[in-house]
N, C-alpha and C. Protein backbone atom coordinates (compact mmCIF):
# COMPACT_ATOMS: atom_id res chain seq x y z
N MET A 1 41.87 55.86 147.62
CA MET A 1 41.25 56.85 146.84
C MET A 1 41.31 58.07 146.18
N PRO A 2 41.39 57.39 144.48
CA PRO A 2 41.93 57.23 144.16
C PRO A 2 40.90 58.68 143.13
N ALA A 3 39.37 59.13 143.34
CA ALA A 3 38.44 59.76 143.46
C ALA A 3 38.27 61.19 144.22
N PHE A 4 38.91 60.66 145.88
CA PHE A 4 39.05 61.94 145.94
C PHE A 4 40.30 62.71 146.27
N ALA A 5 41.01 61.75 145.41
CA ALA A 5 42.39 62.72 145.04
C ALA A 5 42.89 63.08 143.88
N ALA A 6 41.72 63.28 143.33
CA ALA A 6 41.37 64.12 141.34
C ALA A 6 40.47 65.36 141.75
N PHE A 7 39.57 65.20 143.55
CA PHE A 7 38.69 66.52 143.28
C PHE A 7 39.47 67.24 143.90
N MET A 8 39.83 66.78 144.58
CA MET A 8 41.56 67.39 145.47
C MET A 8 42.75 68.89 144.08
N VAL A 9 43.57 67.33 143.93
CA VAL A 9 44.02 68.38 143.09
C VAL A 9 43.29 69.50 141.96
N LEU A 10 41.28 68.14 142.20
CA LEU A 10 40.97 70.34 140.93
C LEU A 10 41.00 70.85 141.61
N PHE A 11 40.69 70.74 142.83
CA PHE A 11 40.31 71.73 143.98
C PHE A 11 41.72 72.46 143.70
N ALA A 12 42.88 71.75 144.66
CA ALA A 12 43.66 72.26 144.31
C ALA A 12 44.62 73.51 143.53
N LEU A 13 44.46 72.95 142.34
CA LEU A 13 44.76 73.49 140.93
C LEU A 13 43.89 74.99 140.91
N ALA A 14 42.79 74.88 141.20
CA ALA A 14 41.66 76.13 141.28
C ALA A 14 42.70 77.47 141.96
N ASN A 15 42.67 76.82 143.24
CA ASN A 15 44.05 77.32 144.58
C ASN A 15 44.12 77.95 143.68
N THR A 16 45.15 77.73 142.71
CA THR A 16 46.66 77.86 142.68
C THR A 16 46.31 78.78 141.17
N GLY A 17 45.71 79.32 141.34
CA GLY A 17 44.61 79.83 139.84
C GLY A 17 44.66 79.34 138.53
N LEU A 18 44.72 77.77 137.67
CA LEU A 18 45.04 77.89 136.71
C LEU A 18 44.16 78.60 135.58
N PRO A 19 44.80 78.36 134.32
CA PRO A 19 43.56 78.99 133.46
C PRO A 19 42.52 78.09 133.52
N GLY A 20 41.29 78.87 133.24
CA GLY A 20 39.46 77.90 132.82
C GLY A 20 39.15 77.58 134.39
N THR A 21 40.08 77.70 135.11
CA THR A 21 39.16 77.51 136.87
C THR A 21 39.05 79.03 137.21
N SER A 22 37.57 78.53 138.20
CA SER A 22 37.64 80.17 138.95
C SER A 22 39.35 81.19 139.66
N GLY A 23 39.58 80.38 140.26
CA GLY A 23 40.76 81.04 140.77
C GLY A 23 41.59 81.90 140.05
N PHE A 24 41.23 81.51 138.20
CA PHE A 24 41.68 81.97 137.61
C PHE A 24 41.32 84.36 137.59
N VAL A 25 40.01 83.42 137.66
CA VAL A 25 39.23 84.94 137.79
C VAL A 25 39.43 86.00 138.17
N GLY A 26 39.59 85.03 139.11
CA GLY A 26 39.77 86.19 141.00
C GLY A 26 41.18 86.84 140.50
N GLU A 27 42.69 86.22 140.36
CA GLU A 27 43.65 86.13 140.33
C GLU A 27 44.04 87.22 139.48
N PHE A 28 42.99 87.09 138.38
CA PHE A 28 43.52 87.63 137.63
C PHE A 28 42.49 89.34 137.19
N LEU A 29 41.75 89.86 139.00
CA LEU A 29 41.37 90.90 138.39
C LEU A 29 41.71 91.04 139.73
N VAL A 30 42.44 90.66 140.69
CA VAL A 30 42.74 91.01 141.95
C VAL A 30 44.17 92.11 141.48
N ILE A 31 45.19 91.79 140.19
CA ILE A 31 46.66 91.64 139.28
C ILE A 31 46.38 93.04 138.45
N ILE A 32 44.58 92.54 137.87
CA ILE A 32 44.68 94.29 136.97
C ILE A 32 44.01 94.99 137.60
N ALA A 33 43.45 95.16 139.17
CA ALA A 33 43.43 96.18 139.90
C ALA A 33 44.00 96.60 140.28
N SER A 34 44.55 95.52 141.48
CA SER A 34 46.05 96.28 141.28
C SER A 34 47.07 96.91 141.64
N PHE A 35 47.45 96.70 139.71
CA PHE A 35 48.18 97.54 139.05
C PHE A 35 47.74 99.06 138.30
N ARG A 36 46.31 99.05 138.65
CA ARG A 36 45.97 100.39 137.71
C ARG A 36 45.86 101.29 139.63
N ALA A 37 46.49 100.68 140.90
CA ALA A 37 46.83 100.95 141.55
C ALA A 37 48.24 102.00 141.68
N SER A 38 48.51 100.26 141.06
CA SER A 38 50.12 101.20 141.85
C SER A 38 51.07 99.55 141.14
N PHE A 39 51.97 99.78 140.71
CA PHE A 39 52.93 98.74 139.99
C PHE A 39 53.50 97.68 140.82
N TRP A 40 53.50 98.86 142.28
CA TRP A 40 53.86 98.21 143.16
C TRP A 40 52.93 97.01 144.25
N TYR A 41 51.98 97.82 144.21
CA TYR A 41 50.87 96.74 144.90
C TYR A 41 50.45 95.75 144.03
N SER A 42 50.69 95.94 142.28
CA SER A 42 50.81 94.83 141.40
C SER A 42 51.80 94.07 141.65
N ALA A 43 52.89 94.29 141.63
CA ALA A 43 54.46 93.05 142.50
C ALA A 43 53.73 92.67 143.13
N LEU A 44 53.70 94.01 144.64
CA LEU A 44 53.61 92.43 146.47
C LEU A 44 52.21 91.26 145.80
N ALA A 45 50.67 91.94 145.13
CA ALA A 45 49.88 90.89 144.87
C ALA A 45 50.05 89.31 143.93
N ALA A 46 51.28 89.83 143.30
CA ALA A 46 51.74 88.81 141.89
C ALA A 46 52.45 88.16 142.66
N VAL A 47 53.62 88.79 144.01
CA VAL A 47 54.00 87.46 144.87
C VAL A 47 53.61 86.97 145.06
N THR A 48 52.27 87.31 146.11
CA THR A 48 52.17 86.17 147.46
C THR A 48 51.18 85.92 146.40
N LEU A 49 50.52 86.34 144.97
CA LEU A 49 49.71 84.78 144.24
C LEU A 49 50.97 83.38 143.88
N ILE A 50 52.42 83.93 143.17
CA ILE A 50 53.18 82.85 143.19
C ILE A 50 53.57 81.88 144.72
N LEU A 51 53.73 82.71 145.46
CA LEU A 51 54.04 82.07 147.18
C LEU A 51 52.85 81.43 147.86
N GLY A 52 50.91 81.75 147.37
CA GLY A 52 50.31 80.90 148.07
C GLY A 52 49.84 79.62 146.51
N ALA A 53 50.39 79.79 145.02
CA ALA A 53 50.20 77.93 144.42
C ALA A 53 51.32 77.35 144.69
N ALA A 54 53.30 78.36 145.06
CA ALA A 54 54.06 76.61 145.99
C ALA A 54 53.85 76.39 147.59
N TYR A 55 52.53 77.39 147.81
CA TYR A 55 52.34 76.60 148.95
C TYR A 55 51.50 75.21 148.29
N THR A 56 50.26 75.45 148.21
CA THR A 56 49.17 74.34 147.48
C THR A 56 49.53 73.39 146.82
N LEU A 57 51.49 73.43 145.87
CA LEU A 57 51.38 72.45 145.11
C LEU A 57 51.65 72.13 145.94
N TRP A 58 52.82 72.13 147.36
CA TRP A 58 54.37 71.32 148.16
C TRP A 58 52.89 70.50 148.93
N LEU A 59 51.48 71.00 149.32
CA LEU A 59 50.58 70.18 149.82
C LEU A 59 49.87 69.19 149.05
N VAL A 60 49.61 69.32 148.38
CA VAL A 60 49.44 68.19 147.10
C VAL A 60 50.48 68.08 147.58
N LYS A 61 51.54 67.54 146.67
CA LYS A 61 52.66 66.63 147.04
C LYS A 61 53.26 65.78 148.22
N ARG A 62 52.55 66.15 149.29
CA ARG A 62 52.66 65.21 150.89
C ARG A 62 51.74 65.01 150.44
N VAL A 63 49.97 65.26 150.41
CA VAL A 63 49.20 64.88 150.81
C VAL A 63 48.22 63.89 150.28
N VAL A 64 48.39 64.06 148.96
CA VAL A 64 47.73 63.34 148.10
C VAL A 64 49.18 62.05 147.88
N PHE A 65 50.46 62.73 146.91
CA PHE A 65 51.03 61.51 146.59
C PHE A 65 52.59 61.43 147.74
N GLY A 66 52.33 61.55 148.73
CA GLY A 66 52.73 61.45 149.86
C GLY A 66 52.75 60.06 150.50
N PRO A 67 53.64 60.14 151.10
CA PRO A 67 53.34 58.10 152.37
C PRO A 67 51.88 57.86 153.26
N VAL A 68 51.91 57.41 153.37
CA VAL A 68 50.95 56.93 154.40
C VAL A 68 51.19 56.67 155.73
N THR A 69 51.03 57.63 156.53
CA THR A 69 51.75 56.80 158.38
C THR A 69 51.02 56.46 159.60
N SER A 70 49.43 56.81 159.00
CA SER A 70 48.11 56.40 159.92
C SER A 70 48.17 55.50 159.55
N PRO A 71 47.69 54.64 160.03
CA PRO A 71 46.38 53.19 159.35
C PRO A 71 45.02 53.63 159.72
N ARG A 72 44.92 54.78 160.04
CA ARG A 72 43.84 55.14 160.05
C ARG A 72 43.59 56.41 159.02
N VAL A 73 44.42 56.60 157.93
CA VAL A 73 43.92 57.08 156.53
C VAL A 73 43.99 55.67 156.48
N ALA A 74 44.85 54.88 156.18
CA ALA A 74 45.23 53.73 155.12
C ALA A 74 43.68 53.46 154.81
N ALA A 75 42.76 53.06 155.53
CA ALA A 75 41.27 52.31 156.12
C ALA A 75 40.78 53.58 155.67
N LEU A 76 40.66 54.05 155.26
CA LEU A 76 39.73 55.39 154.70
C LEU A 76 39.26 54.85 153.59
N GLU A 77 37.62 54.52 153.11
CA GLU A 77 37.08 54.42 151.88
C GLU A 77 37.07 55.68 151.31
N ASP A 78 37.41 55.14 149.33
CA ASP A 78 37.23 56.30 148.56
C ASP A 78 35.36 56.63 148.59
N LEU A 79 35.09 57.87 147.34
CA LEU A 79 34.64 58.28 148.14
C LEU A 79 33.13 57.65 148.04
N ASN A 80 31.56 57.84 148.69
CA ASN A 80 30.16 56.87 148.41
C ASN A 80 29.90 57.74 147.19
N ARG A 81 29.30 57.91 146.63
CA ARG A 81 27.82 58.21 145.68
C ARG A 81 27.98 59.73 145.47
N ARG A 82 26.59 59.77 146.93
CA ARG A 82 26.71 61.24 147.54
C ARG A 82 27.93 61.68 147.33
N GLU A 83 28.55 61.72 147.99
CA GLU A 83 29.48 62.36 147.55
C GLU A 83 30.69 62.90 147.10
N PHE A 84 30.90 62.11 145.83
CA PHE A 84 31.02 63.03 143.98
C PHE A 84 30.04 63.89 143.60
N ILE A 85 28.64 63.25 144.63
CA ILE A 85 28.34 63.95 143.63
C ILE A 85 28.52 64.89 143.93
N VAL A 86 27.97 65.90 144.96
CA VAL A 86 28.71 66.77 145.90
C VAL A 86 29.75 67.84 145.21
N LEU A 87 30.71 66.36 145.43
CA LEU A 87 31.76 67.33 144.51
C LEU A 87 32.19 67.44 143.11
N GLY A 88 31.27 66.79 142.44
CA GLY A 88 31.34 66.31 141.24
C GLY A 88 30.84 68.58 141.24
N ALA A 89 29.98 68.59 142.18
CA ALA A 89 28.66 69.66 141.69
C ALA A 89 29.38 71.07 141.03
N LEU A 90 30.60 70.72 142.80
CA LEU A 90 31.36 71.70 142.78
C LEU A 90 32.55 72.05 141.70
N ALA A 91 32.53 71.08 141.95
CA ALA A 91 33.56 71.08 140.07
C ALA A 91 33.30 71.48 139.39
N ALA A 92 32.35 71.34 139.05
CA ALA A 92 31.79 72.18 138.10
C ALA A 92 31.00 72.82 137.77
N ALA A 93 30.82 73.56 138.93
CA ALA A 93 30.76 74.66 138.98
C ALA A 93 32.98 75.98 138.87
N VAL A 94 33.34 75.18 139.32
CA VAL A 94 34.78 75.77 139.10
C VAL A 94 34.83 75.79 138.07
N LEU A 95 34.58 74.88 137.71
CA LEU A 95 35.19 74.87 135.81
C LEU A 95 34.52 76.05 135.12
N LEU A 96 32.54 75.56 135.36
CA LEU A 96 32.09 76.78 134.88
C LEU A 96 32.45 78.67 134.63
N ILE A 97 32.48 78.40 136.67
CA ILE A 97 32.43 80.64 136.14
C ILE A 97 34.11 80.55 135.71
N GLY A 98 35.14 79.17 136.16
CA GLY A 98 36.52 79.34 135.05
C GLY A 98 36.55 79.70 133.56
N VAL A 99 35.57 79.88 132.99
CA VAL A 99 35.31 79.70 130.78
C VAL A 99 34.26 80.37 130.96
N TRP A 100 33.33 80.86 132.14
CA TRP A 100 31.89 81.48 131.52
C TRP A 100 32.23 82.55 132.73
N PRO A 101 32.88 83.68 133.58
CA PRO A 101 32.52 84.33 134.68
C PRO A 101 31.59 85.77 134.37
N ALA A 102 31.05 85.62 133.07
CA ALA A 102 30.43 86.74 133.29
C ALA A 102 28.75 86.95 134.30
N PRO A 103 28.43 85.54 133.79
CA PRO A 103 26.88 85.97 135.00
C PRO A 103 27.47 86.46 136.34
N LEU A 104 28.15 85.30 137.13
CA LEU A 104 28.29 86.07 138.15
C LEU A 104 29.43 87.39 138.57
N LEU A 105 29.87 88.01 137.34
CA LEU A 105 30.45 89.60 137.57
C LEU A 105 28.98 90.04 137.33
N LYS A 106 28.14 89.86 136.61
CA LYS A 106 27.02 91.19 136.71
C LYS A 106 26.13 90.90 137.50
N VAL A 107 26.43 90.09 138.32
CA VAL A 107 25.86 89.67 140.00
C VAL A 107 26.38 91.16 140.62
N MET A 108 27.36 90.68 140.70
CA MET A 108 27.89 91.95 141.65
C MET A 108 28.75 92.85 141.36
N GLN A 109 29.39 93.25 140.12
CA GLN A 109 28.78 94.46 139.77
C GLN A 109 28.17 95.64 140.38
N PRO A 110 26.88 95.90 140.40
CA PRO A 110 25.79 96.73 141.58
C PRO A 110 26.95 97.04 142.46
N THR A 111 26.64 96.10 143.35
CA THR A 111 27.77 95.86 144.53
C THR A 111 28.49 96.50 144.10
N VAL A 112 30.00 96.06 143.24
CA VAL A 112 31.10 96.66 143.58
C VAL A 112 31.62 97.81 143.26
N HIS A 113 29.96 98.61 142.43
CA HIS A 113 30.46 100.07 141.51
C HIS A 113 29.46 101.63 143.12
N HIS A 114 28.80 100.24 143.60
CA HIS A 114 28.69 101.06 145.29
C HIS A 114 29.36 101.66 146.57
N LEU A 115 30.18 101.19 146.24
CA LEU A 115 32.04 100.13 147.17
C LEU A 115 32.65 101.18 146.91
N LEU A 116 32.36 101.29 144.87
CA LEU A 116 33.87 102.53 144.72
C LEU A 116 33.04 103.16 144.47
N THR A 117 31.85 103.41 144.89
CA THR A 117 31.80 105.31 144.67
C THR A 117 31.79 105.86 146.77
N GLN A 118 30.53 104.71 147.24
CA GLN A 118 31.67 105.50 148.85
C GLN A 118 33.13 105.82 149.16
N ALA A 119 33.56 104.51 148.22
CA ALA A 119 34.69 104.51 148.52
C ALA A 119 36.60 106.57 147.75
N VAL A 120 35.46 106.72 147.20
CA VAL A 120 35.97 107.79 146.55
C VAL A 120 35.04 109.11 147.49
N ALA A 121 33.90 108.51 147.96
CA ALA A 121 33.14 109.74 148.38
C ALA A 121 34.31 110.40 149.36
N THR A 122 34.48 108.46 150.59
CA THR A 122 35.48 109.24 151.79
C THR A 122 37.08 110.18 151.67
N LYS A 123 36.93 110.21 150.29
CA LYS A 123 38.52 110.88 150.37
C LYS A 123 38.30 112.49 150.27
N LEU A 124 37.12 112.54 148.73
CA LEU A 124 37.44 113.56 148.81
C LEU A 124 37.36 114.65 150.58
C-alpha cells in the first residue's frame, strides 16, 4: 500500500509540526501565545509538542514500516481512485495552510478577539 503509506507519512509529519504544513502553523501560534503568558507555560507546551512528535514518529515506524503480522492486513489493496482524490485534496489543504495560513487566520481573528475580550472582562 505505497500510496496510503505516503499519505499517512505526510499527515503524520504535519501532526508533528513539520514546517510547511498546517501543524507547524498551529504549534508555532501555541508556543508564541504561551510565551507571552509565561515562560513556564511555553516550556511545558514545547515539551508536550516534542513528546507528541516522538509518539507520532514511533507510530509511523510501527504501522508503516513494521512487519505485517495479520493476514487480513496483508490482503488489503492500495487506495482506489476516489480515496486517492479525497486524500490528495486533504493533503493539498494541509500544505496550502502550512505555506499560506493568512486566509484562515483572518476568518478566525474576530472570534479570537471576542474570546480574549471576554476573558479580560472576567478578570476585572
